[in-house]
Amino acid sequence: MKKIILHILKDIPLILMCILLAFFIWIFATMTTDPTEEGRFSQTVTIETVGLKEGMIITNGLPYTVSINLRAPNSVWRRISLERIQAKAIVDVTGLEPGVHQVPITIQIGIKPIQIVSYTPNTATVTIEKYETRKFDLVVEESGDIPTAFRAETPVLSQNEVNISGTVSQLDTIARVAVNLERNNNTETIEETLSVVAYTEDGKVVRDVTITPERVKVTQEIKMRGGYRILSVKLSVKGEISSGYRVDNLSVDPGFVTVYSADKELLNSLNSFIETETILLNEINATTNRKVGLNVPEGITLVGDSTVTVNIEISAIEGTSSFGQIPISMIGLEDGLEAVISPLDIDVYLVGPIVTLADIEPDDIHAVIELQDLGEGSYQIAPKVEVSATDTVTVQSIQPATIEVQITELPVTDSSVTEVGSDSNIISENDINTEP
């Protein structure tokens, strides 16, 4: 037994050498058939945060992606590409308290064998803050006015407190929480649902906080004061508009006015309206805005402006008119050409205000055919028609709609040849003997 053990101990170096040699042969064979390559990990690697304590929040922006360089056999690179192997970049903030921390980034890739050569970034700056929810009193901030004859009661909120969630540093800046009630000369009770806004001491809006609820209902009663009354404005007009015109709109602004009287009986005895001073329509021939007074009963005081604006919109009544045998002129014909048109005149139909149409004469209408850049040939051309001395009348149609134009070349004459006698004998000027 002792001899066997001694024999084995004697062969141990040889055995180890064989194992080591086999290992190197295996490595050489592997590297030859599946060589190791270095490259960039092709998949997008996003950063994940773990271990954040409850009630804490990371308030700064972390790097979005990490770039990783690997060494791996060629077969592993193929698997990474074909199987879309994923990697994780982890920022572990376990146990960290509020403050600014420099935390290492660790990489996890679900495939082996690989060697992570480098990655960027390898650390992340993490700002941790405490996150909490606080209750704040809610107030109404009023802006705008209401008419003198009315009074506004204290606004009523659907709830007087709101919860605001955010970081402690944000919540500490909140000086007031409010809704803004805007009034625009309201004469009736206001009911609106308004957004809740948190403000700093200097009036800036606190952002990146969560307000619950975001909107609340606000009600404010608007009541009329004693001694006041609202009356509608009635427009007083007489006469007729000029012939050929019509009234498109007749309105007054404001449509209501407020009056005051200490005499309650007198106030209650008034009609529901108050009339304007009389406007004579026959004196108006164009759209106009004008200020007019109001006929205020004795013992009554008008609150505010003593005049109203009357808007009178007037337009001409339109009609049609026809004009026959308007001659056609030609312009733009090139030298050496002549043109013949058929027919020589057209009928024109106009549309516009009837008072303007009545003043138009045939000589005010001009029909033109433009022949620029036209050579020999036959053409159908639409005349252009204009009406002078007015821009309120338009051409509705013309008849015929197009004119036939025949353009030909002018005949060429030889000035060196003179025709003599009725028998058309031709004699050269050089052959004429001027001597007796």
Protein backbone atom coordinates (compact mmCIF):
# COMPACT_ATOMS: atom_id res chain seq x y z
CA MET A 1 0.00 0.00 0.00
CA LYS A 2 2.83 2.28 0.92
CA LYS A 3 4.52 1.57 -2.40
CA ILE A 4 1.31 2.45 -4.29
CA ILE A 5 1.00 5.77 -2.51
CA LEU A 6 4.64 6.58 -3.16
CA HIS A 7 4.19 5.70 -6.80
CA ILE A 8 1.16 8.00 -7.11
CA LEU A 9 2.96 10.85 -5.36
CA LYS A 10 5.84 10.38 -7.72
CA ASP A 11 3.50 10.76 -10.75
CA ILE A 12 1.58 13.82 -9.44
CA PRO A 13 3.78 16.38 -11.27
CA LEU A 14 3.28 14.49 -14.49
CA ILE A 15 -0.48 14.32 -13.95
CA LEU A 16 -0.67 18.06 -13.22
CA MET A 17 1.38 18.83 -16.28
CA CYS A 18 -1.00 16.77 -18.44
CA ILE A 19 -4.05 18.54 -17.01
CA LEU A 20 -2.46 21.94 -17.56
CA LEU A 21 -1.47 21.02 -21.09
CA ALA A 22 -5.01 19.83 -21.85
CA PHE A 23 -6.40 23.10 -20.50
CA PHE A 24 -4.13 25.16 -22.72
CA ILE A 25 -5.01 23.00 -25.70
CA TRP A 26 -8.72 23.56 -24.97
CA ILE A 27 -8.21 27.31 -24.69
CA PHE A 28 -6.25 27.39 -27.93
CA ALA A 29 -8.91 25.34 -29.73
CA THR A 30 -11.70 27.57 -28.39
CA MET A 31 -9.92 30.77 -29.38
CA THR A 32 -9.27 29.40 -32.80
CA THR A 33 -12.89 28.36 -33.51
CA ASP A 34 -14.64 31.11 -31.43
CA PRO A 35 -12.30 34.10 -31.17
CA THR A 36 -12.88 36.82 -28.55
CA GLU A 37 -13.83 40.28 -29.83
CA GLU A 38 -14.17 43.67 -28.16
CA GLY A 39 -17.00 46.04 -29.07
CA ARG A 40 -19.83 48.28 -27.95
CA PHE A 41 -22.95 46.69 -26.50
CA SER A 42 -25.56 47.37 -29.16
CA GLN A 43 -28.77 47.49 -27.12
CA THR A 44 -29.98 50.65 -25.36
CA VAL A 45 -29.12 50.53 -21.67
CA THR A 46 -31.29 52.73 -19.46
CA ILE A 47 -30.54 53.57 -15.84
CA GLU A 48 -32.78 52.16 -13.11
CA THR A 49 -32.93 53.35 -9.49
CA VAL A 50 -33.48 50.91 -6.64
CA GLY A 51 -33.63 51.13 -2.86
CA LEU A 52 -35.27 54.57 -2.54
CA LYS A 53 -36.81 55.01 0.90
CA GLU A 54 -40.56 55.54 1.21
CA GLY A 55 -41.37 59.22 1.41
CA MET A 56 -38.27 60.20 -0.58
CA ILE A 57 -37.93 61.38 -4.16
CA ILE A 58 -35.04 61.95 -6.56
CA THR A 59 -35.34 65.53 -7.79
CA ASN A 60 -32.46 65.78 -10.28
CA GLY A 61 -32.24 64.22 -13.70
CA LEU A 62 -30.13 61.08 -13.93
CA PRO A 63 -28.21 60.10 -17.08
CA TYR A 64 -30.66 58.43 -19.43
CA THR A 65 -28.42 55.81 -21.02
CA VAL A 66 -25.09 54.07 -20.43
CA SER A 67 -22.55 53.14 -23.13
CA ILE A 68 -20.84 49.76 -22.47
CA ASN A 69 -17.77 48.19 -24.08
CA LEU A 70 -17.46 44.38 -23.78
CA ARG A 71 -15.07 41.53 -24.57
CA ALA A 72 -16.82 38.32 -25.51
CA PRO A 73 -16.50 35.35 -27.87
CA ASN A 74 -17.92 35.78 -31.33
CA SER A 75 -20.72 33.32 -30.54
CA VAL A 76 -21.81 35.46 -27.58
CA TRP A 77 -21.90 38.59 -29.76
CA ARG A 78 -24.13 36.71 -32.22
CA ARG A 79 -26.52 35.73 -29.40
CA ILE A 80 -26.60 39.32 -28.11
CA SER A 81 -27.62 40.50 -31.58
CA LEU A 82 -30.06 37.71 -32.50
CA GLU A 83 -31.73 37.29 -29.09
CA ARG A 84 -31.58 41.01 -28.28
CA ILE A 85 -30.00 40.31 -24.90
CA GLN A 86 -30.78 43.13 -22.45
CA ALA A 87 -28.54 44.84 -19.93
CA LYS A 88 -29.34 46.84 -16.80
CA ALA A 89 -27.57 49.88 -15.38
CA ILE A 90 -28.50 50.15 -11.70
CA VAL A 91 -28.14 53.05 -9.28
CA ASP A 92 -28.62 51.66 -5.77
CA VAL A 93 -29.64 54.35 -3.25
CA THR A 94 -30.50 51.96 -0.43
CA GLY A 95 -30.14 53.65 2.96
CA LEU A 96 -29.35 57.10 1.56
CA GLU A 97 -30.81 60.11 3.39
CA PRO A 98 -31.91 63.45 1.87
CA GLY A 99 -28.99 65.26 0.24
CA VAL A 100 -26.69 65.09 -2.76
CA HIS A 101 -24.88 61.77 -3.29
CA GLN A 102 -22.38 60.36 -5.78
CA VAL A 103 -23.54 56.78 -6.43
CA PRO A 104 -21.72 54.14 -8.51
CA ILE A 105 -23.55 52.60 -11.47
CA THR A 106 -23.46 48.80 -11.67
CA ILE A 107 -23.99 46.83 -14.87
CA GLN A 108 -25.88 43.54 -15.19
CA ILE A 109 -25.96 41.60 -18.48
CA GLY A 110 -27.85 38.31 -18.71
CA ILE A 111 -25.32 36.31 -20.75
CA LYS A 112 -21.93 34.68 -20.20
CA PRO A 113 -19.02 34.54 -20.76
CA ILE A 114 -18.36 38.28 -21.09
CA GLN A 115 -15.92 40.81 -19.73
CA ILE A 116 -17.04 44.41 -19.12
CA VAL A 117 -14.09 46.47 -20.34
CA SER A 118 -15.55 49.93 -19.60
CA TYR A 119 -18.81 51.87 -19.41
CA THR A 120 -19.76 55.53 -19.36
CA PRO A 121 -20.93 57.09 -17.10
CA ASN A 122 -19.87 54.89 -14.22
CA THR A 123 -21.30 57.12 -11.45
CA ALA A 124 -24.43 59.25 -11.09
CA THR A 125 -25.13 62.36 -9.02
CA VAL A 126 -28.34 61.74 -7.07
CA THR A 127 -30.26 64.46 -5.22
CA ILE A 128 -32.70 62.98 -2.72
CA GLU A 129 -35.42 65.03 -1.06
CA LYS A 130 -38.19 64.23 1.33
CA TYR A 131 -41.63 64.11 -0.29
CA GLU A 132 -44.77 64.80 1.72
CA THR A 133 -48.34 66.10 1.61
CA ARG A 134 -49.55 69.15 3.56
CA LYS A 135 -52.89 70.89 4.04
CA PHE A 136 -53.20 74.55 3.06
CA ASP A 137 -56.00 77.06 3.62
CA LEU A 138 -57.66 78.21 0.39
CA VAL A 139 -58.60 81.84 -0.22
CA VAL A 140 -60.46 83.71 -2.98
CA GLU A 141 -58.69 86.64 -4.65
CA GLU A 142 -61.19 88.93 -6.37
CA SER A 143 -60.45 91.11 -9.40
CA GLY A 144 -62.59 93.28 -11.64
CA ASP A 145 -65.60 95.42 -10.80
CA ILE A 146 -69.35 95.19 -10.55
CA PRO A 147 -71.77 98.03 -11.37
CA THR A 148 -72.34 100.75 -8.75
CA ALA A 149 -75.95 99.72 -8.31
CA PHE A 150 -74.92 96.26 -7.07
CA ARG A 151 -73.06 94.82 -4.14
CA ALA A 152 -71.09 91.58 -3.98
CA GLU A 153 -71.39 89.23 -1.02
CA THR A 154 -68.45 87.30 0.41
CA PRO A 155 -67.44 84.47 -1.97
CA VAL A 156 -68.24 80.94 -0.77
CA LEU A 157 -65.90 78.03 -1.58
CA SER A 158 -66.97 74.43 -2.06
CA GLN A 159 -64.09 73.59 0.33
CA ASN A 160 -61.72 75.75 2.34
CA GLU A 161 -58.63 73.49 2.35
CA VAL A 162 -56.59 71.62 -0.25
CA ASN A 163 -53.82 69.02 -0.06
CA ILE A 164 -50.53 69.79 -1.79
CA SER A 165 -47.89 67.11 -2.36
CA GLY A 166 -44.26 67.87 -3.23
CA THR A 167 -40.76 68.03 -1.92
CA VAL A 168 -40.19 69.70 1.42
CA SER A 169 -38.15 72.46 -0.27
CA GLN A 170 -41.06 73.22 -2.61
CA LEU A 171 -43.73 73.11 0.09
CA ASP A 172 -41.70 75.46 2.29
CA THR A 173 -41.88 78.17 -0.41
CA ILE A 174 -45.70 78.23 -0.49
CA ALA A 175 -47.01 81.45 1.08
CA ARG A 176 -50.64 81.27 -0.03
CA VAL A 177 -53.00 79.09 -2.03
CA ALA A 178 -55.79 80.84 -3.92
CA VAL A 179 -58.32 80.88 -6.71
CA ASN A 180 -58.79 84.06 -8.77
CA LEU A 181 -62.39 85.20 -9.20
CA GLU A 182 -62.62 87.64 -12.09
CA ARG A 183 -65.67 89.89 -12.19
CA ASN A 184 -66.71 91.71 -15.33
CA ASN A 185 -69.52 94.05 -14.33
CA ASN A 186 -71.62 91.08 -13.29
CA THR A 187 -75.18 91.82 -12.23
CA GLU A 188 -76.15 88.26 -11.36
CA THR A 189 -74.82 85.69 -8.92
CA ILE A 190 -71.47 84.19 -10.04
CA GLU A 191 -70.93 80.43 -9.97
CA GLU A 192 -67.62 79.22 -11.39
CA THR A 193 -65.23 76.28 -11.05
CA LEU A 194 -61.72 77.73 -10.78
CA SER A 195 -58.17 76.36 -10.78
CA VAL A 196 -56.26 76.29 -7.50
CA VAL A 197 -52.81 77.91 -7.64
CA ALA A 198 -49.99 77.97 -5.05
CA TYR A 199 -47.88 81.14 -4.77
CA THR A 200 -44.59 82.11 -3.16
CA GLU A 201 -44.18 85.17 -0.94
CA ASP A 202 -43.25 87.32 -3.95
CA GLY A 203 -46.24 86.11 -6.01
CA LYS A 204 -44.55 83.53 -8.22
CA VAL A 205 -46.41 80.31 -9.04
CA VAL A 206 -45.06 77.21 -7.28
CA ARG A 207 -44.72 74.53 -9.93
CA ASP A 208 -44.04 70.77 -9.87
CA VAL A 209 -46.42 70.16 -6.98
CA THR A 210 -49.65 68.16 -6.96
CA ILE A 211 -52.75 70.00 -5.72
CA THR A 212 -55.82 68.01 -4.69
CA PRO A 213 -58.39 68.97 -5.81
CA GLU A 214 -57.06 70.95 -8.75
CA ARG A 215 -60.32 72.96 -9.15
CA VAL A 216 -62.97 74.13 -6.71
CA LYS A 217 -66.38 75.76 -7.08
CA VAL A 218 -66.81 79.42 -6.05
CA THR A 219 -70.17 81.12 -5.54
CA GLN A 220 -70.63 84.86 -5.05
CA GLU A 221 -74.05 86.47 -4.72
CA ILE A 222 -74.57 89.77 -6.54
CA LYS A 223 -77.48 91.87 -5.24
CA MET A 224 -78.92 95.23 -6.25
CA ARG A 225 -78.61 98.06 -3.77
CA GLY A 226 -81.70 99.93 -2.56
CA GLY A 227 -82.70 103.02 -4.59
CA TYR A 228 -81.36 101.67 -7.87
CA ARG A 229 -83.08 100.20 -10.90
CA ILE A 230 -81.94 98.84 -14.27
CA LEU A 231 -83.85 99.98 -17.37
CA SER A 232 -83.47 98.82 -20.96
CA VAL A 233 -82.66 101.46 -23.59
CA LYS A 234 -85.27 101.97 -26.30
CA LEU A 235 -84.11 103.58 -29.53
CA SER A 236 -86.40 106.39 -30.75
CA VAL A 237 -86.32 106.84 -34.55
CA LYS A 238 -88.48 108.75 -37.04
CA GLY A 239 -88.58 109.20 -40.79
CA GLU A 240 -87.70 106.94 -43.70
CA ILE A 241 -84.34 106.00 -45.12
CA SER A 242 -83.46 107.48 -48.54
CA SER A 243 -84.80 105.68 -51.62
CA GLY A 244 -82.46 102.97 -52.88
CA TYR A 245 -81.05 102.17 -49.42
CA ARG A 246 -82.03 99.85 -46.59
CA VAL A 247 -81.30 99.61 -42.86
CA ASP A 248 -79.35 96.43 -42.09
CA ASN A 249 -78.86 97.01 -38.38
CA LEU A 250 -80.13 99.42 -35.78
CA SER A 251 -78.72 98.91 -32.28
CA VAL A 252 -77.75 100.76 -29.12
CA ASP A 253 -74.84 100.21 -26.73
CA PRO A 254 -75.21 99.76 -23.83
CA GLY A 255 -78.62 98.15 -24.03
CA PHE A 256 -79.25 98.77 -20.31
CA VAL A 257 -78.64 101.70 -17.97
CA THR A 258 -78.86 102.13 -14.21
CA VAL A 259 -80.91 104.89 -12.60
CA TYR A 260 -81.18 106.06 -9.01
CA SER A 261 -83.80 107.80 -6.93
CA ALA A 262 -84.35 108.21 -3.21
CA ASP A 263 -88.09 108.22 -3.97
CA LYS A 264 -88.97 104.54 -3.94
CA GLU A 265 -92.50 105.10 -5.32
CA LEU A 266 -91.17 107.17 -8.22
CA LEU A 267 -88.59 104.53 -8.98
CA ASN A 268 -91.16 101.75 -9.04
CA SER A 269 -93.53 103.77 -11.24
CA LEU A 270 -91.02 103.99 -14.11
CA ASN A 271 -91.46 102.02 -17.33
CA SER A 272 -89.08 99.13 -17.84
CA PHE A 273 -87.24 101.18 -20.48
CA ILE A 274 -85.82 104.63 -21.09
CA GLU A 275 -85.91 106.24 -24.55
CA THR A 276 -83.08 107.86 -26.47
CA GLU A 277 -83.35 111.25 -28.10
CA THR A 278 -85.08 110.97 -31.49
CA ILE A 279 -82.96 110.09 -34.53
CA LEU A 280 -84.20 111.17 -38.00
CA LEU A 281 -83.49 108.39 -40.51
CA ASN A 282 -84.05 110.62 -43.53
CA GLU A 283 -80.92 112.55 -42.53
CA ILE A 284 -78.75 109.41 -42.69
CA ASN A 285 -77.39 108.02 -45.97
CA ALA A 286 -74.41 105.96 -44.75
CA THR A 287 -73.45 103.59 -41.93
CA THR A 288 -72.75 105.60 -38.81
CA ASN A 289 -72.10 105.47 -35.08
CA ARG A 290 -73.24 108.40 -33.02
CA LYS A 291 -73.64 109.38 -29.40
CA VAL A 292 -77.17 110.34 -28.33
CA GLY A 293 -78.63 111.42 -25.04
CA LEU A 294 -81.38 109.79 -22.99
CA ASN A 295 -84.73 111.23 -21.97
CA VAL A 296 -84.32 110.92 -18.20
CA PRO A 297 -87.54 111.50 -16.21
CA GLU A 298 -87.55 114.28 -13.65
CA GLY A 299 -86.44 113.18 -10.19
CA ILE A 300 -84.36 110.33 -11.62
CA THR A 301 -80.55 110.30 -11.74
CA LEU A 302 -78.69 108.40 -14.43
CA VAL A 303 -75.76 106.41 -13.07
CA GLY A 304 -72.69 106.58 -15.30
CA ASP A 305 -72.46 107.96 -18.84
CA SER A 306 -75.35 110.21 -19.85
CA THR A 307 -75.18 109.10 -23.49
CA VAL A 308 -75.38 105.84 -25.41
CA THR A 309 -73.89 104.85 -28.77
CA VAL A 310 -76.33 104.21 -31.60
CA ASN A 311 -75.08 101.99 -34.44
CA ILE A 312 -76.94 102.41 -37.73
CA GLU A 313 -75.83 100.18 -40.61
CA ILE A 314 -77.10 101.24 -44.03
CA SER A 315 -76.48 99.53 -47.38
CA ALA A 316 -77.55 100.25 -50.92
CA ILE A 317 -80.25 98.05 -52.43
CA GLU A 318 -78.72 96.14 -55.33
CA GLY A 319 -80.20 95.55 -58.76
CA THR A 320 -79.19 94.70 -62.32
CA SER A 321 -79.06 96.69 -65.52
CA SER A 322 -78.23 95.82 -69.14
CA PHE A 323 -76.48 97.86 -71.83
CA GLY A 324 -76.59 96.81 -75.49
CA GLN A 325 -74.22 97.34 -78.43
CA ILE A 326 -71.15 98.32 -76.43
CA PRO A 327 -68.36 98.69 -79.05
CA ILE A 328 -65.22 96.56 -78.72
CA SER A 329 -61.73 98.04 -78.96
CA MET A 330 -58.57 96.09 -79.86
CA ILE A 331 -55.18 96.72 -78.30
CA GLY A 332 -51.74 95.15 -78.55
CA LEU A 333 -51.81 94.03 -82.20
CA GLU A 334 -48.26 93.70 -83.52
CA ASP A 335 -47.03 95.70 -86.52
CA GLY A 336 -47.57 94.11 -89.92
CA LEU A 337 -50.80 92.41 -88.83
CA GLU A 338 -54.43 93.32 -89.18
CA ALA A 339 -57.40 91.93 -87.23
CA VAL A 340 -61.08 91.53 -87.97
CA ILE A 341 -63.52 90.78 -85.14
CA SER A 342 -67.05 89.46 -85.16
CA PRO A 343 -69.33 90.72 -83.77
CA LEU A 344 -68.24 94.34 -83.40
CA ASP A 345 -70.12 94.95 -80.14
CA ILE A 346 -71.48 93.11 -77.09
CA ASP A 347 -74.31 93.34 -74.56
CA VAL A 348 -73.19 93.98 -70.96
CA TYR A 349 -75.15 93.08 -67.82
CA LEU A 350 -74.17 94.90 -64.61
CA VAL A 351 -75.05 94.35 -60.97
CA GLY A 352 -74.71 96.89 -58.16
CA PRO A 353 -76.53 99.54 -56.13
CA ILE A 354 -79.60 100.68 -58.00
CA VAL A 355 -78.81 104.34 -57.30
CA THR A 356 -75.44 103.89 -58.98
CA LEU A 357 -76.77 101.85 -61.91
CA ALA A 358 -79.23 104.64 -62.67
CA ASP A 359 -76.36 107.07 -63.29
CA ILE A 360 -74.34 104.85 -65.65
CA GLU A 361 -74.28 105.77 -69.35
CA PRO A 362 -73.16 103.49 -72.22
CA ASP A 363 -70.05 105.69 -72.67
CA ASP A 364 -68.97 104.70 -69.12
CA ILE A 365 -68.58 101.06 -70.23
CA HIS A 366 -65.42 100.00 -72.05
CA ALA A 367 -64.90 96.63 -73.73
CA VAL A 368 -61.37 95.67 -74.82
CA ILE A 369 -59.79 92.69 -76.55
CA GLU A 370 -56.07 92.21 -75.89
CA LEU A 371 -54.07 90.85 -78.86
CA GLN A 372 -50.51 90.89 -77.45
CA ASP A 373 -48.24 88.08 -78.67
CA LEU A 374 -50.84 86.75 -81.12
CA GLY A 375 -49.82 85.86 -84.67
CA GLU A 376 -51.81 84.89 -87.76
CA GLY A 377 -54.80 82.70 -87.05
CA SER A 378 -58.35 82.47 -85.79
CA TYR A 379 -59.09 82.97 -82.08
CA GLN A 380 -62.01 83.09 -79.65
CA ILE A 381 -61.22 85.76 -77.04
CA ALA A 382 -63.24 86.97 -74.03
CA PRO A 383 -63.41 90.78 -73.88
CA LYS A 384 -62.42 92.61 -70.72
CA VAL A 385 -65.10 95.02 -69.53
CA GLU A 386 -64.59 97.94 -67.16
CA VAL A 387 -67.04 100.52 -65.83
CA SER A 388 -65.47 103.91 -65.23
CA ALA A 389 -66.29 106.33 -62.42
CA THR A 390 -67.47 103.65 -59.94
CA ASP A 391 -66.08 100.71 -58.01
CA THR A 392 -69.39 99.49 -56.58
CA VAL A 393 -70.68 97.99 -59.83
CA THR A 394 -69.52 94.64 -61.19
CA VAL A 395 -69.97 92.92 -64.53
CA GLN A 396 -72.45 90.08 -64.13
CA SER A 397 -72.12 88.72 -67.69
CA ILE A 398 -71.48 89.66 -71.30
CA GLN A 399 -73.09 88.37 -74.48
CA PRO A 400 -71.58 86.83 -76.44
CA ALA A 401 -69.00 85.62 -73.95
CA THR A 402 -66.22 85.38 -76.58
CA ILE A 403 -65.43 87.22 -79.80
CA GLU A 404 -64.04 85.65 -82.98
CA VAL A 405 -60.79 87.30 -84.06
CA GLN A 406 -59.16 86.73 -87.48
CA ILE A 407 -55.55 87.94 -87.67
CA THR A 408 -53.77 88.14 -91.03
CA GLU A 409 -50.59 89.74 -92.40
CA LEU A 410 -50.87 93.07 -94.21
CA PRO A 411 -50.06 92.85 -98.01
CA VAL A 412 -46.52 93.97 -98.96
CA THR A 413 -46.30 96.86 -101.56
CA ASP A 414 -43.22 97.80 -103.69
CA SER A 415 -42.78 101.61 -103.64
CA SER A 416 -40.30 101.43 -106.60
CA VAL A 417 -43.05 100.37 -109.03
CA THR A 418 -45.61 102.82 -110.46
CA GLU A 419 -48.81 101.71 -112.14
CA VAL A 420 -49.65 103.89 -115.16
CA GLY A 421 -52.77 103.87 -117.25
CA SER A 422 -55.86 101.83 -117.15
CA ASP A 423 -54.22 98.96 -118.99
CA SER A 424 -51.88 98.50 -115.97
CA ASN A 425 -48.64 99.01 -117.95
CA ILE A 426 -45.74 99.02 -115.51
CA ILE A 427 -42.93 101.51 -116.15
CA SER A 428 -39.73 101.73 -114.20
CA GLU A 429 -39.03 105.13 -112.69
CA ASN A 430 -35.49 104.92 -114.14
CA ASP A 431 -36.96 104.65 -117.68
CA ILE A 432 -38.97 107.87 -117.49
CA ASN A 433 -37.39 110.59 -119.64
CA THR A 434 -37.85 113.93 -118.01
CA GLU A 435 -36.38 115.84 -120.99
CA PRO A 436 -38.83 117.47 -123.52
